[in-house]
Amino acid sequence: MKQFVFFCAMIVSLSAAAFAAEDPVTHAMKLFEKRHYGEAAGMLRAQVSSLEQGKQGAGYLTLGMIYLKNAELHRELQQVTVAVSADYLKRLTFLKGKGRSRFVDLYLGEAFLEAGKPDQAAAPLEQFISSEGIEPRSTAMAKVALGLSHYLRNNKQKADELWGGVDTTDPELKSALAAAYSKAGLVEKNPVALADESLAQAKKSGKRVPTRLLKNVLAVYAKAGLTEKGLALVNSSDLKGFSYREVLSRTKVINYYDLSLLGDISTLYLQASIVALEKASADAKLRATVNYYLGEAYSLSGNVEQSAKTTASFISSAQMPQQYRDKAMARQGANQYLRGRQFEALGVWDELSRKQPEDPEVLAEVLIACSGIKVDCPKPVKKAVASVETGEGRKFFTLNIALGRYYLGKKDYARAVSFMEAGRDKSNKNKIESNDPVMLVSLAEAYYRTKKFSEALEIYFEMSKQFPEVRQIQEAMQGIYSMEHKSAGDVKIF
């Protein structure tokens, strides 16, 4: 795990005090190495501010790294859940007669909105609204979503008409409206206040707070940058809970999920990472190393200018190992490309791929940079393929994985599977303690695309032990698997 190794090599040696056996930073590092991100972050977050002065910098750096890796993972999960769930929902719409779900149109419309396709969201939402026998609250939910579809297509008058008819005395509907305002960027509508009010109303009732309401509020907090409130909500919520369960028959039950959840969690973790890393940068002894991770965090957040600035600062630090300065140069190439300096970026990547002696981890970083911004990098890819064909040992695992993810982005799924399988720990093939969860998510997607459903589901079953929120992907994939085998498409994962 490149980040953990770098942390061990660089941070501990730079820290003013050695870590004791029971030190919370040491404990968090061990959990981080096992990819138990939630446990590591929760434990360290509660104690980092009370660490003695000489250890706080290392504590915040560790916390920032944990949140950064978790943010990257949940971003990958978000992309997969939108794609797989949309596939599943579209298949459900093709069913006719009594076995057809009445709620699939609502959730398909919301899936299109989450995928950034508001023009395609309108038709299923309108069909749901026109359906007979639907309870008024669910119809109102669809009108909120339809209003967002209209707003995002610049029909603000129609959006206001739909939103104006929503009963805001219902806390669940109020939360839906708050989330819609937030996604539309309507700060003047004060979505945060609406979200707070809906949550307070729901808690005051004494009943269980609806999962859909919690996820709507979470979406508002993530968009508003209310990191502390958002993380508190994440930590107290059932992340595997469904938004709605539709019972169609004794043997057919469909659970529907809010597809924005994983993306909102990713946003909150990334915000928390940047906050922690910026605090860590106050420690002069750690500042250069912090810049390595801050550059990555700013890049993931879309702040290209700030990423370029902090990455350049790291590269200029002569005391940093050349291998990690080369890795940072690969990321800086992506920053240059996004700033319109494409020729210069390609030159940087080509030069790194030609560098001798060959370093498979640096070459892997080049491919990760290329695939991250969806750029063809033929020379580095050619060099990487030749390297893994002749190289042996674990040091080439990272390069195989990078090649697999590159080909996944190119939709060459057979090659993606081949390379990622070569980079996986074969004795513990689905264990997150032995494999990077981001790689496992990419491999599961490649399996799914090649109709190896069982292999993909095995990965998610194992991941669910640490990340219960992957349940929504499991159920959608299981539903498609059932349909492929000509069953009724029911989903049962207990």
Protein backbone atom coordinates (compact mmCIF):
# COMPACT_ATOMS: atom_id res chain seq x y z
CA MET A 1 0.00 0.00 0.00
CA LYS A 2 1.99 2.90 -1.34
CA GLN A 3 0.55 5.60 0.91
CA PHE A 4 1.02 3.61 4.09
CA VAL A 5 4.59 2.66 3.18
CA PHE A 6 5.40 6.26 2.41
CA PHE A 7 3.86 7.34 5.69
CA CYS A 8 5.93 4.85 7.65
CA ALA A 9 9.12 5.76 5.85
CA MET A 10 8.72 9.51 5.98
CA ILE A 11 6.49 10.56 8.84
CA VAL A 12 7.75 8.46 11.70
CA SER A 13 11.35 9.48 10.98
CA LEU A 14 10.36 13.14 10.89
CA SER A 15 8.18 13.11 13.99
CA ALA A 16 9.64 14.70 17.07
CA ALA A 17 8.67 11.81 19.34
CA ALA A 18 8.62 8.07 18.77
CA PHE A 19 5.21 6.48 18.99
CA ALA A 20 4.54 4.31 21.99
CA ALA A 21 2.91 0.90 21.59
CA GLU A 22 -0.48 2.14 22.77
CA ASP A 23 -0.27 5.51 21.05
CA PRO A 24 -3.53 6.25 19.13
CA VAL A 25 -1.57 7.31 16.05
CA THR A 26 0.23 3.97 15.96
CA HIS A 27 -3.07 2.15 16.46
CA ALA A 28 -4.70 4.14 13.64
CA MET A 29 -1.75 3.39 11.36
CA LYS A 30 -2.21 -0.34 11.91
CA LEU A 31 -5.93 -0.12 11.17
CA PHE A 32 -5.18 1.97 8.10
CA GLU A 33 -2.79 -0.68 6.84
CA LYS A 34 -5.63 -3.22 7.15
CA ARG A 35 -7.97 -0.84 5.25
CA HIS A 36 -10.30 -0.56 8.25
CA TYR A 37 -10.82 3.09 7.41
CA GLY A 38 -13.98 3.77 9.40
CA GLU A 39 -12.65 2.26 12.60
CA ALA A 40 -9.29 4.01 12.20
CA ALA A 41 -10.80 7.42 11.53
CA GLY A 42 -13.38 7.17 14.31
CA MET A 43 -10.80 6.19 16.92
CA LEU A 44 -8.20 8.78 15.93
CA ARG A 45 -10.68 11.60 15.33
CA ALA A 46 -11.89 11.30 18.92
CA GLN A 47 -8.35 11.58 20.33
CA VAL A 48 -6.22 13.62 17.97
CA SER A 49 -6.93 17.02 19.52
CA SER A 50 -5.89 15.73 22.96
CA LEU A 51 -2.52 14.36 21.80
CA GLU A 52 0.55 16.04 23.18
CA GLN A 53 1.79 18.93 21.06
CA GLY A 54 4.67 17.05 19.43
CA LYS A 55 2.39 14.31 18.11
CA GLN A 56 -0.60 16.32 16.87
CA GLY A 57 0.92 17.00 13.46
CA ALA A 58 1.48 13.28 12.82
CA GLY A 59 -2.00 12.56 14.18
CA TYR A 60 -3.70 14.99 11.81
CA LEU A 61 -1.59 13.73 8.92
CA THR A 62 -2.63 10.14 9.62
CA LEU A 63 -6.28 11.18 9.95
CA GLY A 64 -6.08 13.12 6.69
CA MET A 65 -4.62 10.13 4.88
CA ILE A 66 -7.34 7.81 6.18
CA TYR A 67 -10.13 10.12 5.11
CA LEU A 68 -8.47 10.69 1.73
CA LYS A 69 -8.29 6.98 0.96
CA ASN A 70 -11.88 6.50 2.13
CA ALA A 71 -13.03 9.41 -0.04
CA GLU A 72 -11.35 7.88 -3.09
CA LEU A 73 -12.98 4.52 -2.37
CA HIS A 74 -16.46 5.99 -1.98
CA ARG A 75 -16.09 8.01 -5.16
CA GLU A 76 -15.40 4.78 -7.02
CA LEU A 77 -18.36 3.12 -5.31
CA GLN A 78 -20.61 6.03 -6.28
CA GLN A 79 -19.74 5.69 -9.96
CA VAL A 80 -20.42 1.96 -9.84
CA THR A 81 -23.72 2.21 -7.96
CA VAL A 82 -25.11 4.79 -10.40
CA ALA A 83 -24.17 2.64 -13.41
CA VAL A 84 -25.29 -0.72 -12.01
CA SER A 85 -28.48 0.61 -10.40
CA ALA A 86 -29.50 2.39 -13.60
CA ASP A 87 -29.02 -0.88 -15.49
CA TYR A 88 -31.15 -2.73 -12.94
CA LEU A 89 -33.92 -0.12 -12.82
CA LYS A 90 -34.15 0.04 -16.61
CA ARG A 91 -34.54 -3.73 -16.73
CA LEU A 92 -37.32 -3.55 -14.13
CA THR A 93 -39.25 -1.07 -16.30
CA PHE A 94 -39.42 -3.64 -19.09
CA LEU A 95 -41.50 -6.00 -16.95
CA LYS A 96 -45.25 -5.90 -17.62
CA GLY A 97 -48.42 -6.86 -15.83
CA LYS A 98 -48.91 -7.42 -12.11
CA GLY A 99 -45.25 -8.20 -11.56
CA ARG A 100 -44.16 -4.73 -12.60
CA SER A 101 -42.97 -2.43 -9.84
CA ARG A 102 -44.97 0.75 -9.40
CA PHE A 103 -42.04 2.57 -7.77
CA VAL A 104 -39.36 1.79 -10.33
CA ASP A 105 -40.23 4.92 -12.34
CA LEU A 106 -39.62 7.16 -9.33
CA TYR A 107 -36.23 5.67 -8.59
CA LEU A 108 -35.20 5.47 -12.24
CA GLY A 109 -35.93 9.18 -12.57
CA GLU A 110 -33.83 9.90 -9.50
CA ALA A 111 -31.06 7.67 -10.88
CA PHE A 112 -30.97 9.72 -14.08
CA LEU A 113 -30.70 12.90 -12.01
CA GLU A 114 -27.81 11.43 -10.03
CA ALA A 115 -26.10 10.43 -13.30
CA GLY A 116 -26.34 14.04 -14.52
CA LYS A 117 -29.08 13.31 -17.09
CA PRO A 118 -32.01 15.56 -16.08
CA ASP A 119 -33.49 15.39 -19.58
CA GLN A 120 -33.94 11.62 -19.28
CA ALA A 121 -35.28 11.88 -15.72
CA ALA A 122 -38.51 13.68 -16.63
CA ALA A 123 -40.37 10.88 -18.46
CA PRO A 124 -40.24 8.19 -15.73
CA LEU A 125 -41.01 10.77 -13.03
CA GLU A 126 -44.05 12.02 -14.95
CA GLN A 127 -45.21 8.45 -15.46
CA PHE A 128 -44.92 7.78 -11.74
CA ILE A 129 -46.85 10.94 -10.86
CA SER A 130 -49.66 9.95 -13.21
CA SER A 131 -49.93 6.43 -11.74
CA GLU A 132 -53.05 5.54 -9.79
CA GLY A 133 -53.06 4.33 -6.20
CA ILE A 134 -49.76 5.94 -5.16
CA GLU A 135 -49.73 7.53 -1.72
CA PRO A 136 -49.59 11.36 -1.78
CA ARG A 137 -46.18 11.55 -0.05
CA SER A 138 -44.51 9.43 -2.73
CA THR A 139 -46.18 11.44 -5.49
CA ALA A 140 -44.88 14.61 -3.83
CA MET A 141 -41.38 13.12 -3.70
CA ALA A 142 -41.55 12.59 -7.44
CA LYS A 143 -42.71 16.17 -7.98
CA VAL A 144 -39.70 17.45 -6.04
CA ALA A 145 -37.40 15.38 -8.26
CA LEU A 146 -39.25 16.46 -11.40
CA GLY A 147 -38.88 20.07 -10.29
CA LEU A 148 -35.12 19.56 -10.05
CA SER A 149 -35.13 18.05 -13.55
CA HIS A 150 -36.90 21.13 -14.90
CA TYR A 151 -34.63 23.52 -13.01
CA LEU A 152 -31.47 21.87 -14.32
CA ARG A 153 -32.90 22.22 -17.84
CA ASN A 154 -33.47 25.97 -17.26
CA ASN A 155 -37.25 25.73 -16.87
CA LYS A 156 -37.27 27.55 -13.54
CA GLN A 157 -40.92 28.53 -13.68
CA LYS A 158 -42.07 24.91 -13.94
CA ALA A 159 -39.68 23.93 -11.16
CA ASP A 160 -41.11 26.60 -8.85
CA GLU A 161 -44.65 25.46 -9.63
CA LEU A 162 -43.84 21.87 -8.66
CA TRP A 163 -41.87 22.82 -5.57
CA GLY A 164 -44.48 25.35 -4.44
CA GLY A 165 -47.09 22.64 -4.04
CA VAL A 166 -45.04 20.52 -1.65
CA ASP A 167 -46.38 20.13 1.89
CA THR A 168 -43.46 21.27 4.05
CA THR A 169 -45.22 20.32 7.27
CA ASP A 170 -44.15 16.77 6.41
CA PRO A 171 -40.51 16.51 7.55
CA GLU A 172 -39.62 13.90 4.91
CA LEU A 173 -40.94 16.12 2.12
CA LYS A 174 -39.22 19.13 3.63
CA SER A 175 -35.92 17.23 3.57
CA ALA A 176 -36.49 16.27 -0.09
CA LEU A 177 -37.10 19.90 -0.95
CA ALA A 178 -33.96 20.94 0.95
CA ALA A 179 -31.89 18.39 -1.00
CA ALA A 180 -33.35 19.59 -4.31
CA TYR A 181 -32.58 23.23 -3.49
CA SER A 182 -29.07 22.21 -2.48
CA LYS A 183 -28.41 20.27 -5.71
CA ALA A 184 -29.79 23.18 -7.71
CA GLY A 185 -27.41 25.58 -5.95
CA LEU A 186 -30.28 27.67 -4.58
CA VAL A 187 -28.53 28.97 -1.47
CA GLU A 188 -31.12 31.75 -1.15
CA LYS A 189 -33.74 29.07 -0.40
CA ASN A 190 -31.71 28.20 2.72
CA PRO A 191 -31.58 24.42 2.26
CA VAL A 192 -29.47 23.98 5.39
CA ALA A 193 -32.15 25.50 7.61
CA LEU A 194 -34.81 23.34 5.94
CA ALA A 195 -32.67 20.24 6.45
CA ASP A 196 -32.09 21.08 10.11
CA GLU A 197 -35.81 21.68 10.66
CA SER A 198 -36.81 18.41 8.97
CA LEU A 199 -34.37 16.42 11.08
CA ALA A 200 -35.51 18.12 14.29
CA GLN A 201 -39.19 17.50 13.44
CA ALA A 202 -38.54 13.83 12.71
CA LYS A 203 -36.66 13.31 15.97
CA LYS A 204 -39.32 15.14 17.96
CA SER A 205 -42.01 12.73 16.74
CA GLY A 206 -40.37 9.93 18.72
CA LYS A 207 -40.53 7.57 15.75
CA ARG A 208 -37.59 6.15 13.81
CA VAL A 209 -36.16 8.80 11.52
CA PRO A 210 -36.85 7.69 7.92
CA THR A 211 -33.74 6.60 6.02
CA ARG A 212 -34.68 8.78 3.09
CA LEU A 213 -34.87 11.85 5.32
CA LEU A 214 -31.43 11.16 6.81
CA LYS A 215 -29.89 10.80 3.37
CA ASN A 216 -31.54 13.99 2.12
CA VAL A 217 -30.13 15.89 5.08
CA LEU A 218 -26.72 14.31 4.53
CA ALA A 219 -26.77 15.51 0.91
CA VAL A 220 -27.42 19.08 2.08
CA TYR A 221 -24.64 19.00 4.67
CA ALA A 222 -22.14 17.61 2.16
CA LYS A 223 -22.99 20.27 -0.43
CA ALA A 224 -22.78 23.05 2.18
CA GLY A 225 -19.41 21.88 3.51
CA LEU A 226 -20.83 21.17 6.97
CA THR A 227 -18.27 18.43 7.55
CA GLU A 228 -18.71 17.95 11.30
CA LYS A 229 -22.50 17.72 11.12
CA GLY A 230 -22.30 15.45 8.10
CA LEU A 231 -19.81 13.06 9.67
CA ALA A 232 -21.90 12.89 12.86
CA LEU A 233 -24.90 11.89 10.75
CA VAL A 234 -22.90 9.28 8.83
CA ASN A 235 -21.58 7.77 12.06
CA SER A 236 -25.07 7.50 13.58
CA SER A 237 -26.90 6.15 10.51
CA ASP A 238 -27.55 2.70 9.12
CA LEU A 239 -25.62 3.05 5.86
CA LYS A 240 -27.00 -0.15 4.39
CA GLY A 241 -30.62 0.88 4.93
CA PHE A 242 -32.98 1.17 1.97
CA SER A 243 -35.16 4.18 1.24
CA TYR A 244 -38.24 2.18 0.28
CA ARG A 245 -39.25 -1.49 0.24
CA GLU A 246 -41.89 -2.57 -2.27
CA VAL A 247 -43.55 -5.95 -1.67
CA LEU A 248 -44.93 -7.21 -4.98
CA SER A 249 -45.71 -10.75 -3.90
CA ARG A 250 -44.81 -13.32 -1.29
CA THR A 251 -41.59 -14.14 -3.14
CA LYS A 252 -40.76 -10.83 -4.77
CA VAL A 253 -39.48 -7.90 -2.74
CA ILE A 254 -37.53 -4.95 -4.13
CA ASN A 255 -35.51 -2.53 -2.03
CA TYR A 256 -34.85 0.94 -3.43
CA TYR A 257 -31.94 3.16 -2.41
CA ASP A 258 -30.94 6.80 -2.54
CA LEU A 259 -28.08 6.76 -5.07
CA SER A 260 -26.56 10.03 -3.86
CA LEU A 261 -25.47 8.46 -0.55
CA LEU A 262 -22.04 7.15 -1.55
CA GLY A 263 -21.14 10.35 -3.36
CA ASP A 264 -22.16 12.47 -0.39
CA ILE A 265 -20.09 10.30 1.95
CA SER A 266 -17.12 10.69 -0.39
CA THR A 267 -17.53 14.46 -0.37
CA LEU A 268 -17.63 14.59 3.43
CA TYR A 269 -14.56 12.34 3.79
CA LEU A 270 -12.65 14.48 1.31
CA GLN A 271 -13.58 17.65 3.17
CA ALA A 272 -12.46 16.03 6.44
CA SER A 273 -9.20 14.95 4.82
CA ILE A 274 -8.34 18.44 3.63
CA VAL A 275 -9.16 19.95 7.04
CA ALA A 276 -6.93 17.43 8.82
CA LEU A 277 -4.07 17.75 6.35
CA GLU A 278 -4.13 21.54 6.52
CA LYS A 279 -3.87 21.29 10.30
CA ALA A 280 -0.95 18.86 9.92
CA SER A 281 0.88 21.33 7.67
CA ALA A 282 1.33 23.61 10.69
CA ASP A 283 4.08 21.20 11.79
CA ALA A 284 7.16 22.46 9.91
CA LYS A 285 8.87 19.06 10.13
CA LEU A 286 5.97 17.39 8.33
CA ARG A 287 4.95 20.14 5.92
CA ALA A 288 6.78 18.77 2.87
CA THR A 289 5.27 15.33 3.34
CA VAL A 290 1.81 16.75 4.01
CA ASN A 291 2.01 18.52 0.64
CA TYR A 292 2.25 15.14 -1.10
CA TYR A 293 -1.18 14.16 0.24
CA LEU A 294 -2.68 17.64 0.08
CA GLY A 295 -1.83 17.75 -3.61
CA GLU A 296 -3.77 14.52 -4.09
CA ALA A 297 -6.70 15.71 -1.96
CA TYR A 298 -6.99 19.05 -3.78
CA SER A 299 -6.85 17.20 -7.09
CA LEU A 300 -9.67 14.86 -6.03
CA SER A 301 -11.75 17.88 -4.99
CA GLY A 302 -11.26 19.52 -8.40
CA ASN A 303 -9.06 22.32 -7.09
CA VAL A 304 -6.41 22.00 -9.81
CA GLU A 305 -4.59 25.25 -9.03
CA GLN A 306 -4.14 24.44 -5.34
CA SER A 307 -3.13 20.87 -6.19
CA ALA A 308 -0.47 22.15 -8.60
CA LYS A 309 0.86 24.57 -5.99
CA THR A 310 1.22 22.05 -3.15
CA THR A 311 2.53 19.33 -5.46
CA ALA A 312 5.19 21.68 -6.82
CA SER A 313 6.22 22.47 -3.25
CA PHE A 314 6.67 18.77 -2.53
CA ILE A 315 8.66 18.16 -5.71
CA SER A 316 11.04 21.01 -4.82
CA SER A 317 11.82 19.44 -1.41
CA ALA A 318 15.30 17.97 -1.87
CA GLN A 319 15.03 15.86 1.30
CA MET A 320 12.14 13.86 -0.16
CA PRO A 321 13.00 10.50 -1.83
CA GLN A 322 13.32 10.72 -5.62
CA GLN A 323 10.76 7.93 -6.10
CA TYR A 324 8.04 9.99 -4.42
CA ARG A 325 9.04 13.17 -6.22
CA ASP A 326 8.65 11.20 -9.45
CA LYS A 327 5.21 10.02 -8.34
CA ALA A 328 4.27 13.60 -7.57
CA MET A 329 5.53 14.62 -11.03
CA ALA A 330 3.11 12.09 -12.57
CA ARG A 331 0.21 13.76 -10.71
CA GLN A 332 1.55 17.18 -11.66
CA GLY A 333 1.31 16.07 -15.27
CA ALA A 334 -2.44 15.64 -14.80
CA ASN A 335 -2.64 19.13 -13.29
CA GLN A 336 -0.78 20.55 -16.28
CA TYR A 337 -3.07 18.74 -18.69
CA LEU A 338 -6.17 20.14 -16.97
CA ARG A 339 -4.66 23.63 -17.07
CA GLY A 340 -4.39 23.44 -20.86
CA ARG A 341 -0.74 22.40 -21.08
CA GLN A 342 -1.42 19.04 -22.70
CA PHE A 343 1.80 18.75 -24.71
CA GLU A 344 3.89 19.46 -21.61
CA ALA A 345 1.93 16.90 -19.57
CA LEU A 346 2.39 14.15 -22.15
CA GLY A 347 6.10 14.98 -22.22
CA VAL A 348 6.36 14.59 -18.45
CA TRP A 349 4.64 11.20 -18.51
CA ASP A 350 6.73 9.95 -21.43
CA GLU A 351 9.93 11.03 -19.69
CA LEU A 352 8.96 9.28 -16.45
CA SER A 353 8.14 6.09 -18.35
CA ARG A 354 11.58 6.13 -20.01
CA LYS A 355 13.44 6.77 -16.78
CA GLN A 356 16.15 4.31 -15.73
CA PRO A 357 16.40 2.37 -13.56
CA GLU A 358 12.81 1.38 -14.15
CA ASP A 359 10.43 1.83 -11.20
CA PRO A 360 7.10 -0.02 -11.61
CA GLU A 361 5.43 2.11 -8.92
CA VAL A 362 6.30 5.37 -10.69
CA LEU A 363 5.08 3.95 -13.99
CA ALA A 364 1.87 2.89 -12.24
CA GLU A 365 1.41 6.45 -10.99
CA VAL A 366 1.68 7.71 -14.56
CA LEU A 367 -1.09 5.36 -15.67
CA ILE A 368 -3.26 6.34 -12.70
CA ALA A 369 -2.82 9.99 -13.66
CA CYS A 370 -3.74 9.28 -17.29
CA SER A 371 -6.80 7.19 -16.46
CA GLY A 372 -7.93 9.62 -13.77
CA ILE A 373 -8.47 12.36 -16.37
CA LYS A 374 -9.35 9.93 -19.20
CA VAL A 375 -6.35 10.63 -21.42
CA ASP A 376 -4.69 8.21 -23.83
CA CYS A 377 -1.07 7.57 -22.89
CA PRO A 378 0.19 5.07 -25.50
CA LYS A 379 3.91 5.27 -24.70
CA PRO A 380 3.62 4.72 -20.93
CA VAL A 381 1.07 1.95 -21.53
CA LYS A 382 3.36 0.18 -23.99
CA LYS A 383 6.25 0.41 -21.52
CA ALA A 384 4.02 -0.85 -18.67
CA VAL A 385 2.77 -3.86 -20.62
CA ALA A 386 6.34 -4.82 -21.53
CA SER A 387 7.41 -4.39 -17.90
CA VAL A 388 4.73 -6.67 -16.40
CA GLU A 389 5.38 -9.30 -19.06
CA THR A 390 9.04 -9.58 -18.04
CA GLY A 391 8.90 -8.55 -14.38
CA GLU A 392 8.19 -10.82 -11.45
CA GLY A 393 7.24 -10.41 -7.80
CA ARG A 394 4.96 -8.26 -5.69
CA LYS A 395 6.60 -5.01 -6.77
CA PHE A 396 4.78 -5.39 -10.10
CA PHE A 397 1.34 -5.84 -8.49
CA THR A 398 0.75 -2.09 -8.44
CA LEU A 399 1.65 -1.76 -12.12
CA ASN A 400 -0.69 -4.61 -13.10
CA ILE A 401 -3.50 -2.96 -11.16
CA ALA A 402 -2.83 0.42 -12.79
CA LEU A 403 -2.93 -1.20 -16.22
CA GLY A 404 -6.19 -2.93 -15.32
CA ARG A 405 -7.81 0.31 -14.22
CA TYR A 406 -6.51 2.08 -17.34
CA TYR A 407 -8.14 -0.54 -19.58
CA LEU A 408 -11.32 -0.42 -17.48
CA GLY A 409 -11.55 3.26 -18.34
CA LYS A 410 -11.09 2.34 -22.01
CA LYS A 411 -13.93 -0.21 -21.68
CA ASP A 412 -11.58 -3.03 -22.61
CA TYR A 413 -13.00 -5.20 -19.86
CA ALA A 414 -11.27 -8.46 -20.71
CA ARG A 415 -7.84 -6.85 -20.45
CA ALA A 416 -8.90 -5.01 -17.32
CA VAL A 417 -9.81 -8.30 -15.63
CA SER A 418 -6.60 -9.97 -16.77
CA PHE A 419 -4.27 -7.29 -15.43
CA MET A 420 -6.11 -6.70 -12.15
CA GLU A 421 -6.26 -10.40 -11.41
CA ALA A 422 -2.48 -10.48 -11.94
CA GLY A 423 -2.13 -7.70 -9.37
CA ARG A 424 -4.39 -9.25 -6.76
CA ASP A 425 -3.14 -11.23 -3.77
CA LYS A 426 -4.10 -14.69 -4.94
CA SER A 427 -4.11 -16.31 -1.51
CA ASN A 428 -6.49 -13.67 -0.09
CA LYS A 429 -8.11 -12.58 -3.32
CA ASN A 430 -11.10 -10.65 -1.91
CA LYS A 431 -9.73 -9.63 1.49
CA ILE A 432 -9.38 -5.89 1.91
CA GLU A 433 -6.56 -6.50 4.38
CA SER A 434 -4.52 -7.89 1.48
CA ASN A 435 -5.89 -5.85 -1.45
CA ASP A 436 -6.64 -2.20 -2.04
CA PRO A 437 -10.45 -1.83 -1.89
CA VAL A 438 -10.38 0.63 -4.81
CA MET A 439 -8.80 -2.08 -6.95
CA LEU A 440 -11.41 -4.59 -5.79
CA VAL A 441 -14.22 -2.20 -6.78
CA SER A 442 -12.65 -1.74 -10.22
CA LEU A 443 -12.21 -5.49 -10.62
CA ALA A 444 -15.82 -6.10 -9.55
CA GLU A 445 -16.99 -3.63 -12.18
CA ALA A 446 -14.89 -5.37 -14.85
CA TYR A 447 -16.39 -8.71 -13.76
CA TYR A 448 -19.87 -7.22 -13.97
CA ARG A 449 -19.24 -5.88 -17.47
CA THR A 450 -18.07 -9.32 -18.59
CA LYS A 451 -21.10 -10.97 -16.92
CA LYS A 452 -19.06 -12.68 -14.24
CA PHE A 453 -21.71 -11.83 -11.67
CA SER A 454 -20.72 -14.39 -9.06
CA GLU A 455 -17.13 -13.15 -8.95
CA ALA A 456 -18.27 -9.52 -8.61
CA LEU A 457 -20.77 -10.36 -5.87
CA GLU A 458 -18.13 -12.30 -3.94
CA ILE A 459 -16.02 -9.14 -3.81
CA TYR A 460 -18.90 -7.03 -2.49
CA PHE A 461 -19.90 -9.65 0.04
CA GLU A 462 -16.41 -9.52 1.51
CA MET A 463 -16.26 -5.71 1.36
CA SER A 464 -19.61 -5.38 3.10
CA LYS A 465 -18.02 -6.61 6.33
CA GLN A 466 -16.21 -3.25 6.63
CA PHE A 467 -18.31 -1.12 4.27
CA PRO A 468 -22.00 -2.02 4.76
CA GLU A 469 -23.04 0.78 2.40
CA VAL A 470 -22.10 -1.42 -0.60
CA ARG A 471 -25.35 -3.31 -0.04
CA GLN A 472 -27.13 -1.14 -2.60
CA ILE A 473 -24.64 -2.29 -5.26
CA GLN A 474 -25.00 -5.91 -4.16
CA GLU A 475 -28.77 -5.85 -4.47
CA ALA A 476 -28.83 -4.16 -7.87
CA MET A 477 -26.22 -6.57 -9.21
CA GLN A 478 -28.02 -9.57 -7.70
CA GLY A 479 -31.23 -8.38 -9.34
CA ILE A 480 -29.57 -8.23 -12.76
CA TYR A 481 -27.98 -11.63 -12.16
CA SER A 482 -31.43 -13.06 -11.39
CA MET A 483 -32.89 -11.56 -14.56
CA GLU A 484 -30.03 -12.91 -16.64
CA HIS A 485 -31.01 -16.35 -15.39
CA LYS A 486 -34.67 -15.79 -16.29
CA SER A 487 -36.01 -15.57 -12.75
CA ALA A 488 -38.50 -13.01 -11.54
CA GLY A 489 -35.76 -10.55 -10.70
CA ASP A 490 -36.32 -10.63 -6.97
CA VAL A 491 -33.53 -9.60 -4.68
CA LYS A 492 -32.74 -11.38 -1.43
CA ILE A 493 -29.51 -10.60 0.38
CA PHE A 494 -29.75 -11.19 4.11
